PDB file of N, CA and C in Angstrom:
ATOM      1  N   MET A   1      27.616  -4.743  -0.697  1.00  0.00           N
ATOM      2  CA  MET A   1      27.032  -3.500  -1.156  1.00  0.00           C
ATOM      3  C   MET A   1      28.061  -2.394  -1.006  1.00  0.00           C
ATOM      4  N   LEU A   2      28.024  -1.473  -1.937  1.00  0.00           N
ATOM      5  CA  LEU A   2      28.921  -0.324  -1.879  1.00  0.00           C
ATOM      6  C   LEU A   2      28.142   0.930  -1.524  1.00  0.00           C
ATOM      7  N   LEU A   3      28.729   1.742  -0.694  1.00  0.00           N
ATOM      8  CA  LEU A   3      28.172   3.041  -0.362  1.00  0.00           C
ATOM      9  C   LEU A   3      28.659   4.018  -1.414  1.00  0.00           C
ATOM     10  N   ASN A   4      27.740   4.745  -2.083  1.00  0.00           N
ATOM     11  CA  ASN A   4      28.194   5.684  -3.114  1.00  0.00           C
ATOM     12  C   ASN A   4      28.557   7.034  -2.501  1.00  0.00           C
ATOM     13  N   SER A   5      28.975   7.957  -3.324  1.00  0.00           N
ATOM     14  CA  SER A   5      29.462   9.256  -2.841  1.00  0.00           C
ATOM     15  C   SER A   5      28.363  10.080  -2.162  1.00  0.00           C
ATOM     16  N   LYS A   6      27.096   9.745  -2.415  1.00  0.00           N
ATOM     17  CA  LYS A   6      25.984  10.453  -1.777  1.00  0.00           C
ATOM     18  C   LYS A   6      25.516   9.748  -0.508  1.00  0.00           C
ATOM     19  N   GLY A   7      26.207   8.678  -0.117  1.00  0.00           N
ATOM     20  CA  GLY A   7      25.826   7.941   1.079  1.00  0.00           C
ATOM     21  C   GLY A   7      24.692   6.964   0.838  1.00  0.00           C
ATOM     22  N   GLN A   8      24.450   6.605  -0.422  1.00  0.00           N
ATOM     23  CA  GLN A   8      23.348   5.710  -0.764  1.00  0.00           C
ATOM     24  C   GLN A   8      23.837   4.292  -1.007  1.00  0.00           C
ATOM     25  N   VAL A   9      22.956   3.330  -0.699  1.00  0.00           N
ATOM     26  CA  VAL A   9      23.218   1.930  -1.017  1.00  0.00           C
ATOM     27  C   VAL A   9      22.015   1.405  -1.788  1.00  0.00           C
ATOM     28  N   THR A  10      22.238   0.348  -2.561  1.00  0.00           N
ATOM     29  CA  THR A  10      21.151  -0.300  -3.275  1.00  0.00           C
ATOM     30  C   THR A  10      20.794  -1.583  -2.548  1.00  0.00           C
ATOM     31  N   ILE A  11      19.519  -1.709  -2.200  1.00  0.00           N
ATOM     32  CA  ILE A  11      19.055  -2.942  -1.563  1.00  0.00           C
ATOM     33  C   ILE A  11      18.880  -3.967  -2.680  1.00  0.00           C
ATOM     34  N   PRO A  12      19.521  -5.125  -2.587  1.00  0.00           N
ATOM     35  CA  PRO A  12      19.424  -6.119  -3.655  1.00  0.00           C
ATOM     36  C   PRO A  12      17.969  -6.512  -3.947  1.00  0.00           C
ATOM     37  N   ALA A  13      17.692  -6.793  -5.214  1.00  0.00           N
ATOM     38  CA  ALA A  13      16.336  -7.102  -5.670  1.00  0.00           C
ATOM     39  C   ALA A  13      15.709  -8.250  -4.880  1.00  0.00           C
ATOM     40  N   ALA A  14      16.482  -9.280  -4.578  1.00  0.00           N
ATOM     41  CA  ALA A  14      15.932 -10.426  -3.842  1.00  0.00           C
ATOM     42  C   ALA A  14      15.433 -10.001  -2.460  1.00  0.00           C
ATOM     43  N   LEU A  15      16.156  -9.111  -1.796  1.00  0.00           N
ATOM     44  CA  LEU A  15      15.731  -8.638  -0.476  1.00  0.00           C
ATOM     45  C   LEU A  15      14.540  -7.697  -0.594  1.00  0.00           C
ATOM     46  N   ARG A  16      14.512  -6.850  -1.644  1.00  0.00           N
ATOM     47  CA  ARG A  16      13.345  -5.977  -1.854  1.00  0.00           C
ATOM     48  C   ARG A  16      12.097  -6.817  -2.059  1.00  0.00           C
ATOM     49  N   ALA A  17      12.209  -7.890  -2.847  1.00  0.00           N
ATOM     50  CA  ALA A  17      11.059  -8.773  -3.092  1.00  0.00           C
ATOM     51  C   ALA A  17      10.658  -9.500  -1.807  1.00  0.00           C
ATOM     52  N   LYS A  18      11.634 -10.024  -1.089  1.00  0.00           N
ATOM     53  CA  LYS A  18      11.358 -10.778   0.138  1.00  0.00           C
ATOM     54  C   LYS A  18      10.614  -9.930   1.168  1.00  0.00           C
ATOM     55  N   TYR A  19      10.995  -8.655   1.274  1.00  0.00           N
ATOM     56  CA  TYR A  19      10.408  -7.774   2.277  1.00  0.00           C
ATOM     57  C   TYR A  19       9.383  -6.805   1.686  1.00  0.00           C
ATOM     58  N   ASN A  20       8.969  -7.065   0.438  1.00  0.00           N
ATOM     59  CA  ASN A  20       7.910  -6.299  -0.214  1.00  0.00           C
ATOM     60  C   ASN A  20       8.200  -4.795  -0.204  1.00  0.00           C
ATOM     61  N   LEU A  21       9.429  -4.433  -0.561  1.00  0.00           N
ATOM     62  CA  LEU A  21       9.830  -3.033  -0.658  1.00  0.00           C
ATOM     63  C   LEU A  21       9.746  -2.596  -2.114  1.00  0.00           C
ATOM     64  N   HIS A  22       9.192  -1.404  -2.323  1.00  0.00           N
ATOM     65  CA  HIS A  22       9.014  -0.891  -3.678  1.00  0.00           C
ATOM     66  C   HIS A  22       9.511   0.549  -3.761  1.00  0.00           C
ATOM     67  N   GLU A  23       9.789   0.985  -4.988  1.00  0.00           N
ATOM     68  CA  GLU A  23      10.206   2.362  -5.212  1.00  0.00           C
ATOM     69  C   GLU A  23       9.207   3.307  -4.560  1.00  0.00           C
ATOM     70  N   GLY A  24       9.717   4.268  -3.819  1.00  0.00           N
ATOM     71  CA  GLY A  24       8.865   5.243  -3.160  1.00  0.00           C
ATOM     72  C   GLY A  24       8.490   4.871  -1.734  1.00  0.00           C
ATOM     73  N   ASP A  25       8.742   3.611  -1.327  1.00  0.00           N
ATOM     74  CA  ASP A  25       8.474   3.234   0.065  1.00  0.00           C
ATOM     75  C   ASP A  25       9.393   4.029   0.978  1.00  0.00           C
ATOM     76  N   GLU A  26       8.878   4.393   2.121  1.00  0.00           N
ATOM     77  CA  GLU A  26       9.672   5.170   3.073  1.00  0.00           C
ATOM     78  C   GLU A  26      10.314   4.235   4.081  1.00  0.00           C
ATOM     79  N   VAL A  27      11.629   4.377   4.257  1.00  0.00           N
ATOM     80  CA  VAL A  27      12.380   3.575   5.220  1.00  0.00           C
ATOM     81  C   VAL A  27      13.238   4.492   6.079  1.00  0.00           C
ATOM     82  N   ASP A  28      13.614   4.002   7.238  1.00  0.00           N
ATOM     83  CA  ASP A  28      14.542   4.700   8.121  1.00  0.00           C
ATOM     84  C   ASP A  28      15.762   3.818   8.333  1.00  0.00           C
ATOM     85  N   VAL A  29      16.883   4.450   8.619  1.00  0.00           N
ATOM     86  CA  VAL A  29      18.083   3.723   9.030  1.00  0.00           C
ATOM     87  C   VAL A  29      18.245   4.019  10.513  1.00  0.00           C
ATOM     88  N   ILE A  30      18.272   2.950  11.291  1.00  0.00           N
ATOM     89  CA  ILE A  30      18.310   3.070  12.749  1.00  0.00           C
ATOM     90  C   ILE A  30      19.567   2.402  13.275  1.00  0.00           C
ATOM     91  N   GLU A  31      20.218   3.081  14.227  1.00  0.00           N
ATOM     92  CA  GLU A  31      21.361   2.464  14.906  1.00  0.00           C
ATOM     93  C   GLU A  31      20.824   1.677  16.093  1.00  0.00           C
ATOM     94  N   ASP A  32      21.175   0.394  16.148  1.00  0.00           N
ATOM     95  CA  ASP A  32      20.673  -0.492  17.194  1.00  0.00           C
ATOM     96  C   ASP A  32      21.850  -1.270  17.781  1.00  0.00           C
ATOM     97  N   ASP A  33      22.343  -0.819  18.923  1.00  0.00           N
ATOM     98  CA  ASP A  33      23.455  -1.482  19.610  1.00  0.00           C
ATOM     99  C   ASP A  33      24.672  -1.642  18.691  1.00  0.00           C
ATOM    100  N   GLY A  34      25.016  -0.548  17.997  1.00  0.00           N
ATOM    101  CA  GLY A  34      26.195  -0.545  17.136  1.00  0.00           C
ATOM    102  C   GLY A  34      25.973  -1.134  15.755  1.00  0.00           C
ATOM    103  N   VAL A  35      24.737  -1.492  15.427  1.00  0.00           N
ATOM    104  CA  VAL A  35      24.406  -2.066  14.121  1.00  0.00           C
ATOM    105  C   VAL A  35      23.389  -1.159  13.440  1.00  0.00           C
ATOM    106  N   LEU A  36      23.575  -0.908  12.136  1.00  0.00           N
ATOM    107  CA  LEU A  36      22.598  -0.135  11.378  1.00  0.00           C
ATOM    108  C   LEU A  36      21.538  -1.075  10.821  1.00  0.00           C
ATOM    109  N   ARG A  37      20.264  -0.699  11.000  1.00  0.00           N
ATOM    110  CA  ARG A  37      19.154  -1.489  10.469  1.00  0.00           C
ATOM    111  C   ARG A  37      18.301  -0.601   9.576  1.00  0.00           C
ATOM    112  N   ILE A  38      17.820  -1.162   8.481  1.00  0.00           N
ATOM    113  CA  ILE A  38      16.880  -0.473   7.602  1.00  0.00           C
ATOM    114  C   ILE A  38      15.494  -0.978   7.968  1.00  0.00           C
ATOM    115  N   VAL A  39      14.597  -0.062   8.334  1.00  0.00           N
ATOM    116  CA  VAL A  39      13.252  -0.450   8.726  1.00  0.00           C
ATOM    117  C   VAL A  39      12.217   0.366   7.957  1.00  0.00           C
ATOM    118  N   ARG A  40      11.122  -0.292   7.607  1.00  0.00           N
ATOM    119  CA  ARG A  40      10.025   0.385   6.921  1.00  0.00           C
ATOM    120  C   ARG A  40       9.359   1.357   7.893  1.00  0.00           C
ATOM    121  N   VAL A  41       9.017   2.550   7.408  1.00  0.00           N
ATOM    122  CA  VAL A  41       8.289   3.520   8.219  1.00  0.00           C
ATOM    123  C   VAL A  41       6.824   3.099   8.223  1.00  0.00           C
ATOM    124  N   GLU A  42       6.316   2.750   9.392  1.00  0.00           N
ATOM    125  CA  GLU A  42       4.922   2.310   9.503  1.00  0.00           C
ATOM    126  C   GLU A  42       3.989   3.501   9.380  1.00  0.00           C
ATOM    127  N   GLY A  43       2.909   3.314   8.643  1.00  0.00           N
ATOM    128  CA  GLY A  43       1.910   4.368   8.486  1.00  0.00           C
ATOM    129  C   GLY A  43       2.275   5.415   7.449  1.00  0.00           C
ATOM    130  N   ALA A  44       3.404   5.266   6.776  1.00  0.00           N
ATOM    131  CA  ALA A  44       3.793   6.239   5.753  1.00  0.00           C
ATOM    132  C   ALA A  44       2.886   6.083   4.537  1.00  0.00           C
ATOM    133  N   GLU A  45       2.639   7.185   3.840  1.00  0.00           N
ATOM    134  CA  GLU A  45       1.818   7.136   2.635  1.00  0.00           C
ATOM    135  C   GLU A  45       2.538   6.355   1.537  1.00  0.00           C
ATOM    136  N   THR A  46       1.761   5.634   0.755  1.00  0.00           N
ATOM    137  CA  THR A  46       2.320   4.977  -0.420  1.00  0.00           C
ATOM    138  C   THR A  46       2.501   6.035  -1.504  1.00  0.00           C
ATOM    139  N   PRO A  47       3.300   5.748  -2.543  1.00  0.00           N
ATOM    140  CA  PRO A  47       3.424   6.713  -3.636  1.00  0.00           C
ATOM    141  C   PRO A  47       2.070   7.083  -4.246  1.00  0.00           C
ATOM    142  N   GLY A  48       1.182   6.111  -4.382  1.00  0.00           N
ATOM    143  CA  GLY A  48      -0.153   6.390  -4.936  1.00  0.00           C
ATOM    144  C   GLY A  48      -0.964   7.304  -4.034  1.00  0.00           C
ATOM    145  N   GLN A  49      -0.870   7.085  -2.724  1.00  0.00           N
ATOM    146  CA  GLN A  49      -1.588   7.941  -1.778  1.00  0.00           C
ATOM    147  C   GLN A  49      -1.057   9.369  -1.824  1.00  0.00           C
ATOM    148  N   ARG A  50       0.270   9.521  -1.951  1.00  0.00           N
ATOM    149  CA  ARG A  50       0.848  10.868  -2.056  1.00  0.00           C
ATOM    150  C   ARG A  50       0.364  11.567  -3.318  1.00  0.00           C
ATOM    151  N   LEU A  51       0.313  10.829  -4.440  1.00  0.00           N
ATOM    152  CA  LEU A  51      -0.148  11.401  -5.703  1.00  0.00           C
ATOM    153  C   LEU A  51      -1.594  11.867  -5.591  1.00  0.00           C
ATOM    154  N   VAL A  52      -2.456  11.021  -5.045  1.00  0.00           N
ATOM    155  CA  VAL A  52      -3.868  11.385  -4.898  1.00  0.00           C
ATOM    156  C   VAL A  52      -4.012  12.607  -4.001  1.00  0.00           C
ATOM    157  N   ARG A  53      -3.259  12.657  -2.888  1.00  0.00           N
ATOM    158  CA  ARG A  53      -3.333  13.812  -1.986  1.00  0.00           C
ATOM    159  C   ARG A  53      -2.916  15.098  -2.698  1.00  0.00           C
ATOM    160  N   ARG A  54      -1.811  15.019  -3.480  1.00  0.00           N
ATOM    161  CA  ARG A  54      -1.353  16.206  -4.214  1.00  0.00           C
ATOM    162  C   ARG A  54      -2.377  16.637  -5.252  1.00  0.00           C
ATOM    163  N   MET A  55      -2.966  15.674  -5.948  1.00  0.00           N
ATOM    164  CA  MET A  55      -3.950  16.019  -6.972  1.00  0.00           C
ATOM    165  C   MET A  55      -5.201  16.636  -6.347  1.00  0.00           C
ATOM    166  N   ARG A  56      -5.632  16.087  -5.213  1.00  0.00           N
ATOM    167  CA  ARG A  56      -6.836  16.611  -4.561  1.00  0.00           C
ATOM    168  C   ARG A  56      -6.636  18.018  -4.022  1.00  0.00           C
ATOM    169  N   SER A  57      -5.402  18.368  -3.691  1.00  0.00           N
ATOM    170  CA  SER A  57      -5.159  19.699  -3.136  1.00  0.00           C
ATOM    171  C   SER A  57      -4.759  20.716  -4.208  1.00  0.00           C
ATOM    172  N   SER A  58      -4.717  20.283  -5.467  1.00  0.00           N
ATOM    173  CA  SER A  58      -4.313  21.208  -6.528  1.00  0.00           C
ATOM    174  C   SER A  58      -5.490  22.074  -6.977  1.00  0.00           C
ATOM    175  N   ARG A  59      -5.174  23.177  -7.629  1.00  0.00           N
ATOM    176  CA  ARG A  59      -6.193  24.081  -8.150  1.00  0.00           C
ATOM    177  C   ARG A  59      -7.071  23.366  -9.160  1.00  0.00           C
ATOM    178  N   VAL A  60      -6.474  22.501  -9.973  1.00  0.00           N
ATOM    179  CA  VAL A  60      -7.211  21.799 -11.019  1.00  0.00           C
ATOM    180  C   VAL A  60      -8.321  20.947 -10.422  1.00  0.00           C
ATOM    181  N   SER A  61      -8.061  20.322  -9.269  1.00  0.00           N
ATOM    182  CA  SER A  61      -9.095  19.462  -8.681  1.00  0.00           C
ATOM    183  C   SER A  61     -10.339  20.259  -8.340  1.00  0.00           C
ATOM    184  N   LYS A  62     -10.175  21.521  -7.949  1.00  0.00           N
ATOM    185  CA  LYS A  62     -11.326  22.362  -7.633  1.00  0.00           C
ATOM    186  C   LYS A  62     -12.097  22.720  -8.905  1.00  0.00           C
ATOM    187  N   ASP A  63     -11.391  22.847 -10.043  1.00  0.00           N
ATOM    188  CA  ASP A  63     -12.034  23.184 -11.311  1.00  0.00           C
ATOM    189  C   ASP A  63     -12.897  22.042 -11.838  1.00  0.00           C
ATOM    190  N   VAL A  64     -12.533  20.809 -11.515  1.00  0.00           N
ATOM    191  CA  VAL A  64     -13.256  19.656 -12.053  1.00  0.00           C
ATOM    192  C   VAL A  64     -14.139  18.989 -11.001  1.00  0.00           C
ATOM    193  N   ASP A  65     -14.204  19.565  -9.813  1.00  0.00           N
ATOM    194  CA  ASP A  65     -15.011  18.994  -8.737  1.00  0.00           C
ATOM    195  C   ASP A  65     -16.458  18.863  -9.187  1.00  0.00           C
ATOM    196  N   GLY A  66     -17.011  17.670  -9.058  1.00  0.00           N
ATOM    197  CA  GLY A  66     -18.402  17.432  -9.424  1.00  0.00           C
ATOM    198  C   GLY A  66     -18.616  17.044 -10.879  1.00  0.00           C
ATOM    199  N   MET A  67     -17.558  17.097 -11.692  1.00  0.00           N
ATOM    200  CA  MET A  67     -17.684  16.723 -13.106  1.00  0.00           C
ATOM    201  C   MET A  67     -17.607  15.203 -13.242  1.00  0.00           C
ATOM    202  N   SER A  68     -18.277  14.671 -14.252  1.00  0.00           N
ATOM    203  CA  SER A  68     -18.177  13.244 -14.539  1.00  0.00           C
ATOM    204  C   SER A  68     -16.854  12.967 -15.240  1.00  0.00           C
ATOM    205  N   THR A  69     -16.495  11.702 -15.308  1.00  0.00           N
ATOM    206  CA  THR A  69     -15.271  11.317 -16.015  1.00  0.00           C
ATOM    207  C   THR A  69     -15.328  11.759 -17.466  1.00  0.00           C
ATOM    208  N   ASP A  70     -16.480  11.565 -18.116  1.00  0.00           N
ATOM    209  CA  ASP A  70     -16.630  11.976 -19.520  1.00  0.00           C
ATOM    210  C   ASP A  70     -16.449  13.481 -19.681  1.00  0.00           C
ATOM    211  N   GLU A  71     -16.983  14.258 -18.747  1.00  0.00           N
ATOM    212  CA  GLU A  71     -16.836  15.715 -18.817  1.00  0.00           C
ATOM    213  C   GLU A  71     -15.372  16.130 -18.642  1.00  0.00           C
ATOM    214  N   ILE A  72     -14.672  15.465 -17.733  1.00  0.00           N
ATOM    215  CA  ILE A  72     -13.252  15.776 -17.519  1.00  0.00           C
ATOM    216  C   ILE A  72     -12.449  15.417 -18.764  1.00  0.00           C
ATOM    217  N   MET A  73     -12.719  14.243 -19.355  1.00  0.00           N
ATOM    218  CA  MET A  73     -12.012  13.841 -20.566  1.00  0.00           C
ATOM    219  C   MET A  73     -12.274  14.810 -21.713  1.00  0.00           C
ATOM    220  N   GLU A  74     -13.502  15.271 -21.823  1.00  0.00           N
ATOM    221  CA  GLU A  74     -13.841  16.246 -22.869  1.00  0.00           C
ATOM    222  C   GLU A  74     -13.059  17.534 -22.658  1.00  0.00           C
ATOM    223  N   LEU A  75     -12.986  17.970 -21.410  1.00  0.00           N
ATOM    224  CA  LEU A  75     -12.232  19.179 -21.073  1.00  0.00           C
ATOM    225  C   LEU A  75     -10.747  19.008 -21.423  1.00  0.00           C
ATOM    226  N   LEU A  76     -10.177  17.853 -21.068  1.00  0.00           N
ATOM    227  CA  LEU A  76      -8.761  17.609 -21.332  1.00  0.00           C
ATOM    228  C   LEU A  76      -8.451  17.509 -22.815  1.00  0.00           C
ATOM    229  N   ARG A  77      -9.363  16.898 -23.584  1.00  0.00           N
ATOM    230  CA  ARG A  77      -9.158  16.731 -25.014  1.00  0.00           C
ATOM    231  C   ARG A  77      -9.462  17.989 -25.806  1.00  0.00           C
ATOM    232  N   GLY A  78     -10.217  18.890 -25.206  1.00  0.00           N
ATOM    233  CA  GLY A  78     -10.582  20.103 -25.932  1.00  0.00           C
ATOM    234  C   GLY A  78     -11.672  19.870 -26.943  1.00  0.00           C
ATOM    235  N   ASP A  79     -12.480  18.821 -26.733  1.00  0.00           N
ATOM    236  CA  ASP A  79     -13.590  18.509 -27.668  1.00  0.00           C
ATOM    237  C   ASP A  79     -14.672  19.559 -27.576  1.00  0.00           C
TER     238      ASP A  79
END
């Protein structure tokens, strides 16, 4: 693996699959007795959880609170 100018490395696809790592997963780099280890951050939000949290805290979520899916779709389409 090569370290790029921003200090980033690419984890090979086979290792990402083996360890179930996906885009947006949070990891830490830890020094352990002179060795660097990449470890998954336990309890970190998934990308989907972050999206839902952001959407729920947005102004728009308050505007559509209590509306049915059909009502929201009608609002979005401008019907």
